[in-house]
């Protein structure tokens, strides 16, 4: 018997890789920066909040993580090209792209204006498409493959009764983008996948972790559908992220990875 020549110590190695993190100062963006940065990747971090971005850059530099920042959102082709140019100027290549930015706007569809709907689609879908387009061009030109990771949601698969018509639609579109680019870019060695969390601890969801009667009632109702029996923690997203950004996932593309404690399995 001859065992396969597998070295597990190198499967998840991203040291020296140039990674762009869109929406870096958000809850998931910080997970991305901590995970990839502490694994040795060089980070180009972006966001629309200049103060939050500067604070994050300072924290990363204190941990001796190589980082540059770009105070832009992915609202236009020019914005995305500028982000690519910054990454190239700082680190010479673009190897990994993680789209960690996104918004929600909760409203019954009958009360939501087309402008509000379009704002969600711009942030969650068009911005992701534009940035993937810019990064994909560079990765194809480099000729050495690459990793693209989108942020989807359990709500891309499941509906929601509380006014999520814009959000659910946008995340379903992200799933479609993941699958279509996974097919389109396979021949270039570029894998395209998405992480789809459900509720995990962040400033926006902190109330669900509270002890008041409303939080307890909502949490218990939600957890009745979660086989693992708890809400998510930021660390729960680190493992899937590192997998999707490393060569461990070289044969995985067009996939939606549900980091949801089994919520979508039931």
Protein backbone atom coordinates (compact mmCIF):
# COMPACT_ATOMS: atom_id res chain seq x y z
CA UNK A 1 0.00 0.00 0.00
CA UNK A 2 1.26 3.48 -0.93
CA UNK A 3 -0.30 6.39 0.93
CA UNK A 4 -1.02 9.62 -0.99
CA UNK A 5 1.71 12.25 -0.69
CA UNK A 6 -0.27 14.76 1.38
CA UNK A 7 1.29 17.37 3.64
CA UNK A 8 -1.53 18.76 5.81
CA UNK A 9 0.76 21.47 7.19
CA UNK A 10 0.73 23.28 3.82
CA UNK A 11 -2.90 22.79 2.80
CA UNK A 12 -4.11 25.98 4.45
CA UNK A 13 -1.00 28.08 3.86
CA UNK A 14 -1.75 31.63 2.63
CA UNK A 15 1.53 33.19 3.78
CA UNK A 16 2.75 35.83 1.36
CA UNK A 17 -0.50 35.95 -0.59
CA UNK A 18 -1.95 39.35 -1.49
CA UNK A 19 -5.54 39.54 -0.27
CA UNK A 20 -8.08 42.30 -0.87
CA UNK A 21 -10.74 42.59 1.83
CA UNK A 22 -13.81 44.62 0.85
CA UNK A 23 -15.73 46.02 3.83
CA UNK A 24 -12.80 45.28 6.13
CA UNK A 25 -14.01 47.25 9.14
CA UNK A 26 -17.34 45.40 9.38
CA UNK A 27 -17.93 42.41 11.65
CA UNK A 28 -17.08 39.77 9.06
CA UNK A 29 -14.39 41.94 7.50
CA UNK A 30 -12.54 42.01 10.82
CA UNK A 31 -12.73 38.21 10.98
CA UNK A 32 -11.24 38.07 7.48
CA UNK A 33 -8.41 40.45 8.40
CA UNK A 34 -7.56 38.63 11.62
CA UNK A 35 -7.68 35.20 9.97
CA UNK A 36 -5.73 35.92 6.80
CA UNK A 37 -3.42 38.49 8.37
CA UNK A 38 -2.37 36.22 11.21
CA UNK A 39 -1.85 33.44 8.66
CA UNK A 40 0.71 35.59 6.88
CA UNK A 41 -1.27 37.14 4.04
CA UNK A 42 -0.66 40.74 2.96
CA UNK A 43 -3.86 42.76 3.19
CA UNK A 44 -5.38 45.55 1.14
CA UNK A 45 -8.31 46.69 3.26
CA UNK A 46 -11.17 48.86 2.01
CA UNK A 47 -14.21 50.60 3.41
CA UNK A 48 -16.24 53.77 3.31
CA UNK A 49 -15.59 54.84 6.91
CA UNK A 50 -12.17 56.48 6.90
CA UNK A 51 -11.83 56.61 10.69
CA UNK A 52 -12.76 52.95 11.18
CA UNK A 53 -10.42 51.94 8.37
CA UNK A 54 -7.50 53.87 9.87
CA UNK A 55 -8.15 52.34 13.29
CA UNK A 56 -8.22 48.85 11.81
CA UNK A 57 -5.03 49.46 9.86
CA UNK A 58 -3.31 50.60 13.04
CA UNK A 59 -4.38 47.47 14.91
CA UNK A 60 -3.16 45.22 12.10
CA UNK A 61 0.19 47.01 11.90
CA UNK A 62 0.62 46.59 15.66
CA UNK A 63 0.39 42.84 15.03
CA UNK A 64 3.08 43.13 12.31
CA UNK A 65 0.59 42.34 9.55
CA UNK A 66 1.46 43.84 6.16
CA UNK A 67 -1.44 46.13 5.22
CA UNK A 68 -2.46 49.04 3.03
CA UNK A 69 -5.84 50.74 3.04
CA UNK A 70 -8.13 52.26 0.41
CA UNK A 71 -10.97 54.51 1.59
CA UNK A 72 -13.41 53.50 -1.14
CA UNK A 73 -16.56 51.44 -1.55
CA UNK A 74 -17.17 49.32 -4.65
CA UNK A 75 -19.69 51.76 -6.12
CA UNK A 76 -18.13 52.15 -9.55
CA UNK A 77 -15.67 50.70 -12.02
CA UNK A 78 -13.23 53.49 -11.10
CA UNK A 79 -13.45 52.61 -7.39
CA UNK A 80 -12.71 48.95 -8.06
CA UNK A 81 -9.82 49.74 -10.41
CA UNK A 82 -8.34 52.02 -7.75
CA UNK A 83 -8.49 49.21 -5.19
CA UNK A 84 -6.71 46.84 -7.58
CA UNK A 85 -4.04 49.44 -8.31
CA UNK A 86 -3.45 49.99 -4.59
CA UNK A 87 -2.98 46.25 -3.99
CA UNK A 88 -0.60 45.98 -6.95
CA UNK A 89 1.36 49.02 -5.83
CA UNK A 90 1.75 47.69 -2.30
CA UNK A 91 2.17 43.97 -2.86
CA UNK A 92 2.63 43.33 -6.59
CA UNK A 93 -0.26 40.93 -7.18
CA UNK A 94 -3.87 40.07 -6.36
CA UNK A 95 -4.22 36.49 -5.18
CA UNK A 96 -7.32 36.55 -2.97
CA UNK A 97 -10.48 38.66 -2.99
CA UNK A 98 -12.96 38.53 -0.12
CA UNK A 99 -16.17 40.55 -0.37
CA UNK A 100 -17.18 41.11 3.25
CA UNK A 101 -19.33 44.22 2.72
CA UNK A 102 -23.11 44.24 2.62
CA UNK A 103 -26.26 45.97 3.81
CA UNK A 104 -29.82 45.13 4.77
CA UNK A 105 -32.95 47.28 4.66
CA UNK A 106 -35.88 45.66 6.42
CA UNK A 107 -39.32 46.71 5.20
CA UNK A 108 -42.52 45.17 3.84
CA UNK A 109 -42.30 45.31 0.08
CA UNK A 110 -45.41 47.49 -0.04
CA UNK A 111 -43.61 50.15 2.01
CA UNK A 112 -40.25 49.93 0.25
CA UNK A 113 -39.39 52.36 -2.53
CA UNK A 114 -37.60 51.20 -5.68
CA UNK A 115 -34.70 53.44 -4.66
CA UNK A 116 -34.26 51.60 -1.36
CA UNK A 117 -34.41 48.25 -3.14
CA UNK A 118 -31.80 49.40 -5.66
CA UNK A 119 -29.51 50.59 -2.85
CA UNK A 120 -29.44 47.08 -1.38
CA UNK A 121 -28.81 45.56 -4.79
CA UNK A 122 -26.00 48.03 -5.48
CA UNK A 123 -24.23 47.27 -2.21
CA UNK A 124 -24.73 43.50 -2.17
CA UNK A 125 -24.78 42.52 -5.83
CA UNK A 126 -23.54 45.15 -8.25
CA UNK A 127 -20.61 46.13 -6.04
CA UNK A 128 -19.61 42.48 -5.68
CA UNK A 129 -19.92 41.99 -9.45
CA UNK A 130 -17.82 45.07 -10.21
CA UNK A 131 -15.08 44.12 -7.75
CA UNK A 132 -14.97 40.51 -8.89
CA UNK A 133 -14.73 41.74 -12.48
CA UNK A 134 -11.75 43.96 -11.66
CA UNK A 135 -9.98 41.32 -9.59
CA UNK A 136 -10.73 38.59 -12.12
CA UNK A 137 -9.11 40.58 -14.91
CA UNK A 138 -5.95 40.91 -12.83
CA UNK A 139 -5.89 37.27 -11.74
CA UNK A 140 -6.36 36.09 -15.32
CA UNK A 141 -3.54 38.36 -16.49
CA UNK A 142 -1.25 37.05 -13.73
CA UNK A 143 -1.93 33.49 -14.91
CA UNK A 144 -1.45 31.88 -11.51
CA UNK A 145 -5.05 31.32 -10.44
CA UNK A 146 -6.74 32.94 -7.48
CA UNK A 147 -9.41 32.77 -4.81
CA UNK A 148 -12.65 34.76 -4.70
CA UNK A 149 -14.94 34.53 -1.67
CA UNK A 150 -18.32 36.24 -1.58
CA UNK A 151 -20.53 36.72 1.47
CA UNK A 152 -23.96 35.20 1.04
CA UNK A 153 -26.46 34.32 3.75
CA UNK A 154 -28.85 31.62 4.82
CA UNK A 155 -31.41 34.15 3.52
CA UNK A 156 -30.15 33.54 0.00
CA UNK A 157 -31.68 30.08 0.31
CA UNK A 158 -34.58 30.72 2.68
CA UNK A 159 -37.17 33.46 2.76
CA UNK A 160 -38.05 35.53 5.80
CA UNK A 161 -41.43 36.85 6.95
CA UNK A 162 -40.17 40.17 8.32
CA UNK A 163 -39.64 42.33 5.28
CA UNK A 164 -36.50 40.84 3.73
CA UNK A 165 -37.56 41.05 0.07
CA UNK A 166 -34.52 43.15 -0.88
CA UNK A 167 -31.98 41.29 1.25
CA UNK A 168 -33.08 37.77 0.34
CA UNK A 169 -33.19 38.70 -3.33
CA UNK A 170 -29.70 40.20 -3.20
CA UNK A 171 -28.19 37.17 -1.49
CA UNK A 172 -29.87 34.78 -3.94
CA UNK A 173 -28.22 36.87 -6.67
CA UNK A 174 -24.85 36.51 -4.92
CA UNK A 175 -25.36 32.74 -4.96
CA UNK A 176 -26.03 32.89 -8.68
CA UNK A 177 -22.93 35.01 -9.23
CA UNK A 178 -20.86 32.53 -7.23
CA UNK A 179 -22.00 29.63 -9.34
CA UNK A 180 -21.72 31.37 -12.70
CA UNK A 181 -18.19 32.70 -12.06
CA UNK A 182 -17.18 29.35 -10.61
CA UNK A 183 -18.03 27.87 -14.01
CA UNK A 184 -16.59 30.75 -16.04
CA UNK A 185 -13.23 31.00 -14.28
CA UNK A 186 -12.47 27.34 -13.60
CA UNK A 187 -10.25 27.18 -16.68
CA UNK A 188 -8.06 29.92 -15.19
CA UNK A 189 -7.56 28.15 -11.87
CA UNK A 190 -9.65 30.79 -10.09
CA UNK A 191 -12.06 29.33 -7.56
CA UNK A 192 -15.19 31.27 -6.63
CA UNK A 193 -17.17 30.34 -3.53
CA UNK A 194 -19.34 31.98 -0.89
CA UNK A 195 -19.73 31.77 2.87
CA UNK A 196 -23.36 31.93 3.98
CA UNK A 197 -23.71 32.55 7.72
CA UNK A 198 -26.81 32.92 9.76
CA UNK A 199 -26.82 34.98 12.99
CA UNK A 200 -23.32 35.46 14.40
CA UNK A 201 -22.14 37.88 17.05
CA UNK A 202 -21.64 41.43 15.75
CA UNK A 203 -22.69 44.97 16.71
CA UNK A 204 -25.88 44.53 14.66
CA UNK A 205 -26.87 41.25 16.31
CA UNK A 206 -25.62 41.93 19.84
CA UNK A 207 -29.20 42.38 21.09
CA UNK A 208 -29.98 38.72 20.27
CA UNK A 209 -27.29 37.62 22.73
CA UNK A 210 -28.87 39.66 25.54
CA UNK A 211 -30.84 38.55 28.59
CA UNK A 212 -33.96 40.70 28.29
CA UNK A 213 -37.27 38.92 27.69
CA UNK A 214 -37.55 39.89 24.02
CA UNK A 215 -34.01 38.75 23.19
CA UNK A 216 -34.49 35.45 25.02
CA UNK A 217 -37.80 34.77 23.25
CA UNK A 218 -36.41 35.57 19.81
CA UNK A 219 -33.22 33.60 20.44
CA UNK A 220 -35.04 30.53 21.73
CA UNK A 221 -37.41 30.56 18.77
CA UNK A 222 -34.48 30.82 16.36
CA UNK A 223 -32.37 28.17 18.10
CA UNK A 224 -35.23 25.69 17.87
CA UNK A 225 -34.16 25.37 14.21
CA UNK A 226 -30.39 25.26 14.83
CA UNK A 227 -29.13 21.69 15.47
CA UNK A 228 -25.88 22.93 17.07
CA UNK A 229 -28.04 24.78 19.60
CA UNK A 230 -26.29 28.15 19.79
CA UNK A 231 -25.78 31.37 17.87
CA UNK A 232 -22.64 31.85 15.81
CA UNK A 233 -19.40 33.42 16.96
CA UNK A 234 -16.95 35.23 14.67
CA UNK A 235 -14.48 32.36 15.09
CA UNK A 236 -17.00 30.02 13.45
CA UNK A 237 -16.38 31.81 10.14
CA UNK A 238 -12.58 31.67 10.29
CA UNK A 239 -12.20 28.00 9.37
CA UNK A 240 -14.41 28.04 6.26
CA UNK A 241 -12.76 31.29 5.17
CA UNK A 242 -9.21 29.92 5.44
CA UNK A 243 -10.28 26.78 3.60
CA UNK A 244 -11.75 28.79 0.71
CA UNK A 245 -8.70 31.08 0.49
CA UNK A 246 -6.08 28.32 0.49
CA UNK A 247 -5.10 25.47 -1.81
CA UNK A 248 -7.14 23.13 0.40
CA UNK A 249 -10.15 24.24 -1.69
CA UNK A 250 -8.52 24.01 -5.14
CA UNK A 251 -11.14 21.49 -6.31
CA UNK A 252 -14.08 23.41 -4.82
CA UNK A 253 -15.74 26.14 -6.87
CA UNK A 254 -19.23 27.53 -7.31
CA UNK A 255 -20.12 26.35 -3.80
CA UNK A 256 -22.14 28.04 -1.06
CA UNK A 257 -20.80 27.03 2.37
CA UNK A 258 -23.46 27.46 5.03
CA UNK A 259 -21.77 28.42 8.31
CA UNK A 260 -25.07 28.22 10.17
CA UNK A 261 -24.99 25.49 12.80
CA UNK A 262 -27.23 23.36 10.60
CA UNK A 263 -29.98 25.97 10.27
CA UNK A 264 -30.49 25.36 6.54
CA UNK A 265 -30.24 21.58 6.87
CA UNK A 266 -33.64 21.21 8.52
